[in-house]
Structure formats: structure tokens, C-alpha cells
Amino acid sequence: MSKTAFAPRGDWALDAGPDGPRVAIPTRPVWFVSAFLLVWLGGWSAGEASALGQVFGNAPLFVKAFLLFWLAGWTAGGLADVLVSRFGLRRAD
């Protein structure tokens, strides 16, 4: 059996995290995906504006609660998607 030496390329980092070792692997930004998501989220911002109009309008309480839940989840997920595709740092714990 032959042994193969592992030669790191130098574009990843091994850090000592609080829960043990952590590997950080930078990835290339995916510009098309970033641009597409920005356009997509631009369209959805109109939906968010409409939902906020319903929240502050005369909608029933259940509708207002659901729209607030939807707005929080959609906004957090969209921002995370744009940031990951733009800055491209993924961590393997």
C-alpha cells in the first residue's frame, strides 16, 4: 500500500473553535445567483410592503400574526441567502 501525502492548498483554515476543531473553506462568489436573488428579493419587497400594509391596516388578528411570522422568516432567509452567495464562506464543524 502506498501512502499519499496530503498537501494543503492554503485556501482553507483550521481553527480551534469552542466545540473543537473547525474548518473554514472559502468559496467563490456566485455573481449570477447574487444578481438573480437581488432582483427576486426586489420583487418580493413589494410583497413585503403589501403585507406590512395589511399588518398595520384592518386585517384580522390571526392574519396579522401570520404575516408578521412570514415577514420575519422570509426576510431572514433572503438576507442569509444573499450574504452566503455574495461573500461565500462556509464552515464545516
Protein backbone atom coordinates (compact mmCIF):
# COMPACT_ATOMS: atom_id res chain seq x y z
CA MET A 1 0.00 0.00 0.00
CA SER A 2 1.37 3.38 -0.91
CA LYS A 3 0.87 6.42 1.23
CA THR A 4 -0.20 9.65 -0.39
CA ALA A 5 0.94 12.85 1.25
CA PHE A 6 -1.71 15.43 1.85
CA ALA A 7 -0.61 18.83 0.56
CA PRO A 8 -2.95 21.62 1.62
CA ARG A 9 -3.54 24.33 -0.95
CA GLY A 10 -3.57 27.10 1.62
CA ASP A 11 -7.03 28.48 0.86
CA TRP A 12 -8.70 26.87 3.85
CA ALA A 13 -8.18 27.37 7.55
CA LEU A 14 -8.25 25.03 10.51
CA ASP A 15 -9.33 26.88 13.65
CA ALA A 16 -9.67 25.75 17.23
CA GLY A 17 -13.31 26.52 17.94
CA PRO A 18 -15.04 26.34 21.34
CA ASP A 19 -16.55 22.96 20.41
CA GLY A 20 -13.42 21.51 18.82
CA PRO A 21 -11.60 21.99 15.53
CA ARG A 22 -13.36 23.91 12.76
CA VAL A 23 -12.53 24.01 9.06
CA ALA A 24 -13.32 27.22 7.14
CA ILE A 25 -13.39 26.81 3.36
CA PRO A 26 -13.79 29.97 1.26
CA THR A 27 -15.83 29.61 -1.89
CA ARG A 28 -16.05 31.80 -4.94
CA PRO A 29 -18.91 34.29 -5.06
CA VAL A 30 -21.61 33.24 -7.49
CA TRP A 31 -22.36 36.58 -9.17
CA PHE A 32 -25.28 35.41 -11.30
CA VAL A 33 -27.03 33.90 -8.29
CA SER A 34 -26.39 37.06 -6.26
CA ALA A 35 -27.82 39.27 -9.00
CA PHE A 36 -30.81 36.97 -9.50
CA LEU A 37 -31.54 36.92 -5.78
CA LEU A 38 -31.34 40.70 -5.57
CA VAL A 39 -33.88 41.04 -8.40
CA TRP A 40 -36.06 38.31 -6.90
CA LEU A 41 -35.95 39.92 -3.46
CA GLY A 42 -36.68 43.28 -5.02
CA GLY A 43 -39.94 41.86 -6.33
CA TRP A 44 -40.68 40.25 -3.01
CA SER A 45 -40.06 43.56 -1.22
CA ALA A 46 -43.22 44.79 -2.94
CA GLY A 47 -44.98 41.80 -1.39
CA GLU A 48 -43.46 42.65 1.97
CA ALA A 49 -44.68 46.23 1.66
CA SER A 50 -48.15 44.94 0.87
CA ALA A 51 -48.02 42.54 3.83
CA LEU A 52 -46.94 45.36 6.13
CA GLY A 53 -49.87 47.40 4.84
CA GLN A 54 -52.15 44.55 5.91
CA VAL A 55 -50.45 44.27 9.32
CA PHE A 56 -50.98 47.96 10.04
CA GLY A 57 -54.39 48.00 8.39
CA ASN A 58 -57.73 46.49 9.37
CA ALA A 59 -56.84 42.81 8.91
CA PRO A 60 -57.97 40.22 11.48
CA LEU A 61 -55.56 39.42 14.33
CA PHE A 62 -54.75 35.92 13.00
CA VAL A 63 -53.86 37.35 9.58
CA LYS A 64 -51.62 39.98 11.18
CA ALA A 65 -49.82 37.33 13.29
CA PHE A 66 -49.29 35.06 10.28
CA LEU A 67 -47.99 37.93 8.13
CA LEU A 68 -45.52 39.00 10.85
CA PHE A 69 -44.27 35.40 11.11
CA TRP A 70 -43.96 35.17 7.32
CA LEU A 71 -42.19 38.53 7.04
CA ALA A 72 -39.62 37.61 9.69
CA GLY A 73 -38.81 34.24 8.14
CA TRP A 74 -38.69 35.46 4.56
CA THR A 75 -36.51 38.47 5.41
CA ALA A 76 -34.02 36.44 7.47
CA GLY A 77 -33.81 33.67 4.85
CA GLY A 78 -33.40 36.09 1.96
CA LEU A 79 -30.66 38.07 3.68
CA ALA A 80 -28.80 34.90 4.63
CA ASP A 81 -29.03 33.64 1.04
CA VAL A 82 -27.67 36.88 -0.43
CA LEU A 83 -24.84 37.10 2.11
CA VAL A 84 -23.74 33.49 1.62
CA SER A 85 -23.82 33.73 -2.17
CA ARG A 86 -22.04 37.10 -2.12
CA PHE A 87 -19.33 36.52 0.47
CA GLY A 88 -19.15 32.73 0.11
CA LEU A 89 -17.76 31.49 3.42
CA ARG A 90 -18.97 28.12 4.55
CA ARG A 91 -17.97 26.44 7.78
CA ALA A 92 -17.75 22.73 8.44
CA ASP A 93 -17.97 21.97 12.15
